[in-house]
């Protein structure tokens, strides 16, 4: 472990197998930084649009984009509003079209757009788009000197899924992650790696925590990937995927060239582990703020979404119960998400960073109804 001053690090990366605490500790680090007056942005694994990963996105080379808008001129006005143009590529978040412009896209245009789904890209094309995103993101972070960025599951996890699904050699994955590492080097990245020495313990924990049906779902979602073609199928195949994932993650951690710390979490001694993280980052622990959120049911009338608030917890529009953590007297972090709820004028305004669940859209308002 190499201790660094937090102001020297503009990028904090959290990695580890599923169910090792990446999300929980991303939120913890963000809260501790902000309580010390350090601006942050936590980029959640399913942030939308994600600056370095690809979820529900279509992508074009610059030439492909010019050709597409020439062939479908009626879409130009909308695409130019939401497309993100980088040095070599252009991406469009399909969720934005579904949320705000669905009625303005005819079916033929939308289907043509969907042919450029980034998840379907062969690995060489994916590399081109991914490196273009990482370069663009690094320039944006360097330009915005007021923030430290926290990114989970991006430099290892997402890349492992892409490369392992296609049965690519581990050495190729290591080389690619090294390329990303070279790009982000000016940000002086700090890597927090969470793991259990026994990978089977993590697999067992994941199965108990989320259920065998969750493992089966993930297999069904991805069963057409080349990785699974010689596997027996079902939850057991996904468990084998996790074993291979663990092996790759360990190799990537040891070859990562930046500041890094590995934390073995089997004992569940989270207070001590948190203190180790804070010491590594060069910051102290700040006590919790005392504040109470106004209980009640809040509704966005346009979309019919409801949020129930009770005793510093919420039930979100998807039915998930989440803790609220005070940020200010009228602002509360939402546990497990980069979302912040601000209570004002008898209602809620959603702030923080947006994820790909529409109820979390930045600026969305909920009026108190009960």
Protein backbone atom coordinates (compact mmCIF):
# COMPACT_ATOMS: atom_id res chain seq x y z
CA UNK A 1 0.00 0.00 0.00
CA UNK A 2 1.27 3.44 -0.91
CA UNK A 3 -0.33 6.31 0.99
CA UNK A 4 -1.27 9.29 -1.16
CA UNK A 5 -2.63 12.73 -0.50
CA UNK A 6 -6.19 12.88 -1.77
CA UNK A 7 -5.64 16.17 -3.54
CA UNK A 8 -2.98 14.40 -5.64
CA UNK A 9 -5.52 11.85 -6.85
CA UNK A 10 -8.30 13.01 -9.15
CA UNK A 11 -9.67 9.52 -9.74
CA UNK A 12 -10.56 6.80 -7.24
CA UNK A 13 -11.34 3.37 -8.68
CA UNK A 14 -13.11 0.59 -6.76
CA UNK A 15 -12.89 -2.97 -8.00
CA UNK A 16 -13.63 -6.51 -6.86
CA UNK A 17 -15.97 -9.40 -7.56
CA UNK A 18 -19.73 -8.83 -7.31
CA UNK A 19 -20.88 -8.62 -3.66
CA UNK A 20 -17.57 -7.37 -2.28
CA UNK A 21 -18.79 -3.89 -1.35
CA UNK A 22 -17.76 -1.70 -4.29
CA UNK A 23 -21.00 0.28 -4.35
CA UNK A 24 -21.29 0.67 -0.58
CA UNK A 25 -17.73 1.90 -0.25
CA UNK A 26 -17.95 4.21 -3.25
CA UNK A 27 -20.75 6.00 -1.44
CA UNK A 28 -18.80 5.96 1.85
CA UNK A 29 -15.74 7.54 0.25
CA UNK A 30 -17.85 10.17 -1.49
CA UNK A 31 -19.54 11.15 1.78
CA UNK A 32 -16.27 11.41 3.67
CA UNK A 33 -14.68 13.55 0.95
CA UNK A 34 -17.63 15.90 0.73
CA UNK A 35 -17.80 16.32 4.52
CA UNK A 36 -14.25 17.64 4.28
CA UNK A 37 -15.21 20.15 1.62
CA UNK A 38 -13.84 18.22 -1.35
CA UNK A 39 -16.11 18.21 -4.40
CA UNK A 40 -16.83 14.77 -5.79
CA UNK A 41 -18.71 12.95 -8.48
CA UNK A 42 -19.45 9.26 -8.00
CA UNK A 43 -19.90 7.56 -11.36
CA UNK A 44 -22.00 4.52 -10.59
CA UNK A 45 -21.69 1.33 -12.62
CA UNK A 46 -25.04 2.11 -14.31
CA UNK A 47 -24.61 5.88 -14.54
CA UNK A 48 -26.35 7.42 -17.53
CA UNK A 49 -24.83 8.32 -19.82
CA UNK A 50 -21.74 6.53 -18.57
CA UNK A 51 -18.51 8.36 -19.45
CA UNK A 52 -16.35 5.24 -19.86
CA UNK A 53 -18.67 2.22 -20.10
CA UNK A 54 -21.44 1.22 -22.52
CA UNK A 55 -24.99 0.47 -21.38
CA UNK A 56 -27.92 0.85 -23.78
CA UNK A 57 -25.80 2.88 -26.17
CA UNK A 58 -25.27 3.00 -29.88
CA UNK A 59 -21.94 4.06 -31.28
CA UNK A 60 -20.63 5.37 -34.58
CA UNK A 61 -17.30 6.27 -36.01
CA UNK A 62 -17.38 9.85 -37.26
CA UNK A 63 -17.85 8.60 -40.83
CA UNK A 64 -20.65 6.22 -39.80
CA UNK A 65 -22.46 9.04 -38.01
CA UNK A 66 -22.26 11.37 -41.01
CA UNK A 67 -23.61 8.60 -43.22
CA UNK A 68 -26.44 7.80 -40.78
CA UNK A 69 -27.76 11.34 -40.45
CA UNK A 70 -27.55 11.73 -44.22
CA UNK A 71 -29.70 8.62 -44.64
CA UNK A 72 -32.11 9.58 -41.82
CA UNK A 73 -32.25 13.40 -41.92
CA UNK A 74 -35.43 13.55 -39.81
CA UNK A 75 -33.42 12.28 -36.81
CA UNK A 76 -30.70 14.92 -37.04
CA UNK A 77 -32.31 17.47 -34.74
CA UNK A 78 -32.74 14.98 -31.90
CA UNK A 79 -29.45 13.17 -32.35
CA UNK A 80 -27.47 16.39 -32.37
CA UNK A 81 -29.04 17.27 -28.99
CA UNK A 82 -28.11 14.03 -27.24
CA UNK A 83 -25.16 12.57 -29.14
CA UNK A 84 -21.73 12.86 -27.51
CA UNK A 85 -18.99 13.43 -30.06
CA UNK A 86 -15.46 12.55 -29.05
CA UNK A 87 -12.24 12.56 -31.02
CA UNK A 88 -12.98 9.48 -33.13
CA UNK A 89 -16.45 8.31 -32.17
CA UNK A 90 -20.02 9.40 -31.49
CA UNK A 91 -22.33 7.69 -28.98
CA UNK A 92 -26.05 8.05 -28.27
CA UNK A 93 -27.80 6.83 -25.13
CA UNK A 94 -30.91 4.92 -26.18
CA UNK A 95 -32.57 5.57 -22.82
CA UNK A 96 -32.70 9.27 -23.62
CA UNK A 97 -34.58 8.52 -26.81
CA UNK A 98 -36.98 6.17 -25.00
CA UNK A 99 -37.57 8.69 -22.21
CA UNK A 100 -37.91 11.92 -24.12
CA UNK A 101 -38.11 11.41 -27.88
CA UNK A 102 -39.80 8.06 -28.49
CA UNK A 103 -42.80 9.58 -30.26
CA UNK A 104 -40.54 11.57 -32.58
CA UNK A 105 -38.66 8.51 -33.86
CA UNK A 106 -40.35 6.32 -36.42
CA UNK A 107 -39.82 2.60 -35.98
CA UNK A 108 -37.59 2.25 -39.03
CA UNK A 109 -35.18 4.94 -37.85
CA UNK A 110 -35.01 3.49 -34.35
CA UNK A 111 -34.36 -0.01 -35.68
CA UNK A 112 -31.61 1.33 -37.94
CA UNK A 113 -30.09 3.10 -34.95
CA UNK A 114 -30.20 -0.09 -32.90
CA UNK A 115 -27.98 -1.83 -35.45
CA UNK A 116 -25.10 0.15 -33.94
CA UNK A 117 -25.56 -1.29 -30.43
CA UNK A 118 -22.13 -1.08 -28.79
CA UNK A 119 -22.62 -4.34 -26.89
CA UNK A 120 -22.66 -6.16 -30.23
CA UNK A 121 -19.33 -4.70 -31.37
CA UNK A 122 -16.47 -7.13 -32.04
CA UNK A 123 -13.66 -6.71 -29.54
CA UNK A 124 -11.38 -4.67 -31.80
CA UNK A 125 -14.11 -2.12 -32.50
CA UNK A 126 -15.01 -2.08 -28.81
CA UNK A 127 -11.39 -1.22 -27.96
CA UNK A 128 -11.47 1.75 -30.31
CA UNK A 129 -14.64 3.12 -28.74
CA UNK A 130 -13.60 2.38 -25.16
CA UNK A 131 -10.21 4.06 -25.44
CA UNK A 132 -11.84 7.07 -27.08
CA UNK A 133 -14.18 7.33 -24.07
CA UNK A 134 -11.36 7.00 -21.54
CA UNK A 135 -9.32 9.68 -23.33
CA UNK A 136 -12.29 12.05 -23.45
CA UNK A 137 -13.15 11.40 -19.80
CA UNK A 138 -9.56 12.04 -18.70
CA UNK A 139 -9.50 15.39 -20.51
CA UNK A 140 -12.82 16.35 -18.89
CA UNK A 141 -11.56 15.50 -15.41
CA UNK A 142 -8.35 17.45 -15.94
CA UNK A 143 -10.42 20.42 -17.07
CA UNK A 144 -12.70 20.27 -14.02
CA UNK A 145 -10.20 20.86 -11.24
CA UNK A 146 -12.86 21.21 -8.52
CA UNK A 147 -13.78 17.52 -8.27
CA UNK A 148 -12.43 14.12 -7.35
CA UNK A 149 -14.13 11.37 -9.37
CA UNK A 150 -15.07 7.99 -7.90
CA UNK A 151 -15.68 5.22 -10.44
CA UNK A 152 -16.69 1.67 -9.55
CA UNK A 153 -16.58 -1.53 -11.61
CA UNK A 154 -15.13 0.14 -14.68
CA UNK A 155 -11.46 -0.52 -15.22
CA UNK A 156 -11.58 -4.25 -14.28
CA UNK A 157 -15.14 -5.56 -14.03
CA UNK A 158 -16.64 -4.26 -17.25
CA UNK A 159 -13.52 -5.15 -19.23
CA UNK A 160 -13.50 -8.69 -17.79
CA UNK A 161 -17.09 -9.20 -18.88
CA UNK A 162 -16.32 -8.00 -22.42
CA UNK A 163 -13.14 -10.01 -22.89
CA UNK A 164 -14.10 -13.16 -20.99
CA UNK A 165 -17.43 -13.46 -22.81
CA UNK A 166 -15.47 -13.63 -26.06
CA UNK A 167 -12.89 -16.08 -24.66
CA UNK A 168 -10.09 -13.61 -25.28
CA UNK A 169 -6.65 -14.41 -23.82
CA UNK A 170 -5.97 -12.98 -20.38
CA UNK A 171 -2.80 -11.37 -21.72
CA UNK A 172 -4.87 -9.38 -24.21
CA UNK A 173 -7.10 -8.13 -21.39
CA UNK A 174 -4.06 -7.14 -19.31
CA UNK A 175 -2.59 -5.23 -22.24
CA UNK A 176 -5.88 -3.38 -22.78
CA UNK A 177 -6.25 -2.44 -19.12
CA UNK A 178 -2.65 -1.22 -19.22
CA UNK A 179 -3.60 1.03 -22.13
CA UNK A 180 -6.41 2.48 -20.01
CA UNK A 181 -3.93 2.90 -17.17
CA UNK A 182 -1.63 4.92 -19.41
CA UNK A 183 -4.51 7.19 -20.42
CA UNK A 184 -5.61 7.94 -16.85
CA UNK A 185 -2.08 8.31 -15.46
CA UNK A 186 -2.27 12.16 -15.41
CA UNK A 187 -5.17 11.81 -12.93
CA UNK A 188 -2.91 9.99 -10.43
CA UNK A 189 -5.53 7.26 -9.97
CA UNK A 190 -5.93 5.39 -6.69
CA UNK A 191 -7.30 1.84 -6.81
CA UNK A 192 -9.20 0.20 -3.93
CA UNK A 193 -9.48 -3.57 -4.48
CA UNK A 194 -11.96 -5.50 -2.30
CA UNK A 195 -11.70 -9.28 -2.21
CA UNK A 196 -12.16 -12.50 -0.28
CA UNK A 197 -9.15 -14.80 -0.32
CA UNK A 198 -11.46 -17.72 -1.08
CA UNK A 199 -13.41 -16.89 -4.24
CA UNK A 200 -15.94 -19.61 -3.39
CA UNK A 201 -16.90 -17.63 -0.29
CA UNK A 202 -17.84 -14.68 -2.49
CA UNK A 203 -19.85 -16.92 -4.82
CA UNK A 204 -21.68 -18.42 -1.82
CA UNK A 205 -22.34 -14.95 -0.40
CA UNK A 206 -23.70 -13.71 -3.73
CA UNK A 207 -26.01 -16.72 -4.03
CA UNK A 208 -27.33 -16.32 -0.47
CA UNK A 209 -27.68 -12.55 -0.77
CA UNK A 210 -29.40 -12.40 -4.16
CA UNK A 211 -30.69 -15.92 -4.65
CA UNK A 212 -29.91 -18.72 -7.09
CA UNK A 213 -32.55 -17.24 -9.40
CA UNK A 214 -30.33 -14.15 -9.79
CA UNK A 215 -27.40 -16.29 -10.93
CA UNK A 216 -29.74 -18.12 -13.31
CA UNK A 217 -30.98 -14.79 -14.66
CA UNK A 218 -27.44 -13.61 -15.40
CA UNK A 219 -26.72 -16.85 -17.21
CA UNK A 220 -29.91 -16.59 -19.27
CA UNK A 221 -29.10 -12.97 -20.14
CA UNK A 222 -25.68 -13.84 -21.54
CA UNK A 223 -25.95 -17.52 -22.50
CA UNK A 224 -25.39 -16.82 -26.21
CA UNK A 225 -21.92 -15.43 -25.53
CA UNK A 226 -19.04 -17.63 -26.78
CA UNK A 227 -17.83 -18.20 -23.20
CA UNK A 228 -20.89 -20.31 -22.38
CA UNK A 229 -20.95 -22.47 -25.48
CA UNK A 230 -19.06 -25.36 -23.87
CA UNK A 231 -20.62 -24.94 -20.41
CA UNK A 232 -23.47 -27.08 -19.00
CA UNK A 233 -25.80 -24.10 -18.46
CA UNK A 234 -27.69 -22.46 -15.63
CA UNK A 235 -26.45 -20.97 -12.38
CA UNK A 236 -23.50 -23.37 -12.22
CA UNK A 237 -22.14 -21.92 -15.45
CA UNK A 238 -22.30 -18.41 -14.04
CA UNK A 239 -20.44 -19.64 -10.95
CA UNK A 240 -17.67 -20.87 -13.24
CA UNK A 241 -17.67 -17.47 -14.88
CA UNK A 242 -17.13 -15.90 -11.45
CA UNK A 243 -14.20 -18.21 -10.74
CA UNK A 244 -12.55 -17.13 -13.99
CA UNK A 245 -13.48 -13.53 -13.18
CA UNK A 246 -11.73 -13.81 -9.81
CA UNK A 247 -8.57 -15.15 -11.40
CA UNK A 248 -8.48 -12.32 -13.92
CA UNK A 249 -9.21 -9.65 -11.32
CA UNK A 250 -6.29 -10.79 -9.17
CA UNK A 251 -3.94 -10.64 -12.15
CA UNK A 252 -5.16 -7.18 -13.14
CA UNK A 253 -4.71 -5.85 -9.62
CA UNK A 254 -1.12 -7.05 -9.38
CA UNK A 255 -0.25 -5.54 -12.77
CA UNK A 256 -1.96 -2.18 -12.09
CA UNK A 257 0.75 0.49 -12.12
CA UNK A 258 -0.88 3.22 -10.01
CA UNK A 259 -1.42 3.70 -6.28
CA UNK A 260 -3.39 0.76 -4.94
CA UNK A 261 -4.60 -1.02 -1.84
CA UNK A 262 -6.12 -4.49 -1.47
CA UNK A 263 -8.54 -5.17 1.39
CA UNK A 264 -9.50 -8.72 2.41
CA UNK A 265 -13.12 -8.52 3.58
CA UNK A 266 -13.91 -12.02 4.82
CA UNK A 267 -14.02 -11.02 8.49
CA UNK A 268 -16.55 -8.26 7.79
CA UNK A 269 -14.68 -5.79 10.02
CA UNK A 270 -15.90 -2.82 7.97
CA UNK A 271 -15.00 -0.03 10.40
CA UNK A 272 -11.35 -1.12 10.31
CA UNK A 273 -11.48 -1.55 6.54
CA UNK A 274 -13.00 1.91 6.12
CA UNK A 275 -10.22 3.38 8.24
CA UNK A 276 -7.64 1.64 6.04
CA UNK A 277 -9.25 3.13 2.93
CA UNK A 278 -9.32 6.61 4.45
CA UNK A 279 -5.69 6.32 5.57
CA UNK A 280 -4.69 5.20 2.08
CA UNK A 281 -6.46 8.20 0.57
CA UNK A 282 -4.99 10.57 3.12
CA UNK A 283 -8.24 11.77 4.70
CA UNK A 284 -9.83 11.45 8.13
CA UNK A 285 -13.23 10.20 9.20
CA UNK A 286 -15.91 12.84 9.76
CA UNK A 287 -18.88 11.96 11.99
CA UNK A 288 -22.41 11.67 10.68
CA UNK A 289 -24.62 14.73 10.39
CA UNK A 290 -27.88 14.73 12.31
CA UNK A 291 -30.95 15.57 10.24
CA UNK A 292 -34.42 14.15 9.60
CA UNK A 293 -36.20 13.85 6.27
CA UNK A 294 -39.91 14.78 6.20
CA UNK A 295 -41.87 11.53 6.22
CA UNK A 296 -44.59 11.00 3.66
CA UNK A 297 -45.41 9.80 0.17
CA UNK A 298 -44.14 11.89 -2.72
CA UNK A 299 -45.31 11.48 -6.29
CA UNK A 300 -44.23 12.56 -9.73
CA UNK A 301 -47.62 13.07 -11.30
CA UNK A 302 -46.45 13.06 -14.91
CA UNK A 303 -44.94 9.56 -14.77
CA UNK A 304 -46.77 8.15 -11.76
CA UNK A 305 -43.62 7.38 -9.79
CA UNK A 306 -43.88 7.42 -5.99
CA UNK A 307 -41.27 7.64 -3.23
CA UNK A 308 -42.21 6.73 0.33
CA UNK A 309 -40.07 8.38 3.02
CA UNK A 310 -40.08 7.05 6.58
CA UNK A 311 -37.52 7.24 9.39
CA UNK A 312 -34.48 8.03 7.22
CA UNK A 313 -35.30 5.39 4.65
CA UNK A 314 -37.20 5.35 1.39
CA UNK A 315 -39.04 2.89 -0.75
CA UNK A 316 -38.11 3.92 -4.27
CA UNK A 317 -40.43 3.65 -7.31
CA UNK A 318 -39.03 0.16 -8.06
CA UNK A 319 -40.01 -1.05 -4.59
CA UNK A 320 -36.46 -1.18 -3.20
CA UNK A 321 -35.94 0.02 0.36
CA UNK A 322 -32.91 2.27 0.78
CA UNK A 323 -31.40 4.20 3.66
CA UNK A 324 -31.09 7.97 3.60
CA UNK A 325 -27.84 9.50 4.87
CA UNK A 326 -27.90 13.22 5.78
CA UNK A 327 -25.84 15.52 3.57
CA UNK A 328 -27.37 18.79 4.80
CA UNK A 329 -30.47 19.58 6.81
CA UNK A 330 -32.60 19.21 3.66
CA UNK A 331 -30.41 17.00 1.43
CA UNK A 332 -29.90 13.27 1.78
CA UNK A 333 -27.69 10.74 0.05
CA UNK A 334 -29.51 7.60 -1.10
CA UNK A 335 -27.65 4.49 -0.02
CA UNK A 336 -26.23 2.35 -2.87
CA UNK A 337 -26.95 5.05 -5.45
CA UNK A 338 -25.26 8.30 -6.53
CA UNK A 339 -28.67 9.98 -6.18
CA UNK A 340 -29.36 12.82 -3.72
CA UNK A 341 -32.85 13.82 -2.60
CA UNK A 342 -33.37 17.50 -1.82
CA UNK A 343 -36.47 18.42 0.17
CA UNK A 344 -37.81 21.87 -0.69
CA UNK A 345 -41.13 23.63 -1.09
CA UNK A 346 -42.97 20.64 0.35
CA UNK A 347 -41.59 18.22 -2.21
CA UNK A 348 -38.49 16.39 -3.43
CA UNK A 349 -36.08 17.36 -6.20
CA UNK A 350 -33.70 14.66 -7.42
CA UNK A 351 -30.05 15.75 -7.58
CA UNK A 352 -26.66 14.04 -7.64
CA UNK A 353 -25.78 11.76 -10.56
CA UNK A 354 -28.33 10.00 -12.72
CA UNK A 355 -28.56 6.26 -13.24
CA UNK A 356 -30.47 4.40 -15.94
CA UNK A 357 -33.63 4.14 -13.83
CA UNK A 358 -35.85 6.97 -14.99
CA UNK A 359 -37.15 7.86 -11.54
CA UNK A 360 -33.63 9.08 -10.71
CA UNK A 361 -33.44 11.61 -13.56
CA UNK A 362 -31.65 14.73 -12.37
CA UNK A 363 -34.10 17.54 -11.69
CA UNK A 364 -37.17 15.28 -11.47
CA UNK A 365 -39.70 16.61 -8.96
CA UNK A 366 -41.99 14.74 -6.57
CA UNK A 367 -44.86 16.45 -4.75
CA UNK A 368 -45.96 15.36 -1.31
CA UNK A 369 -49.37 13.68 -1.49
CA UNK A 370 -49.63 12.10 1.98
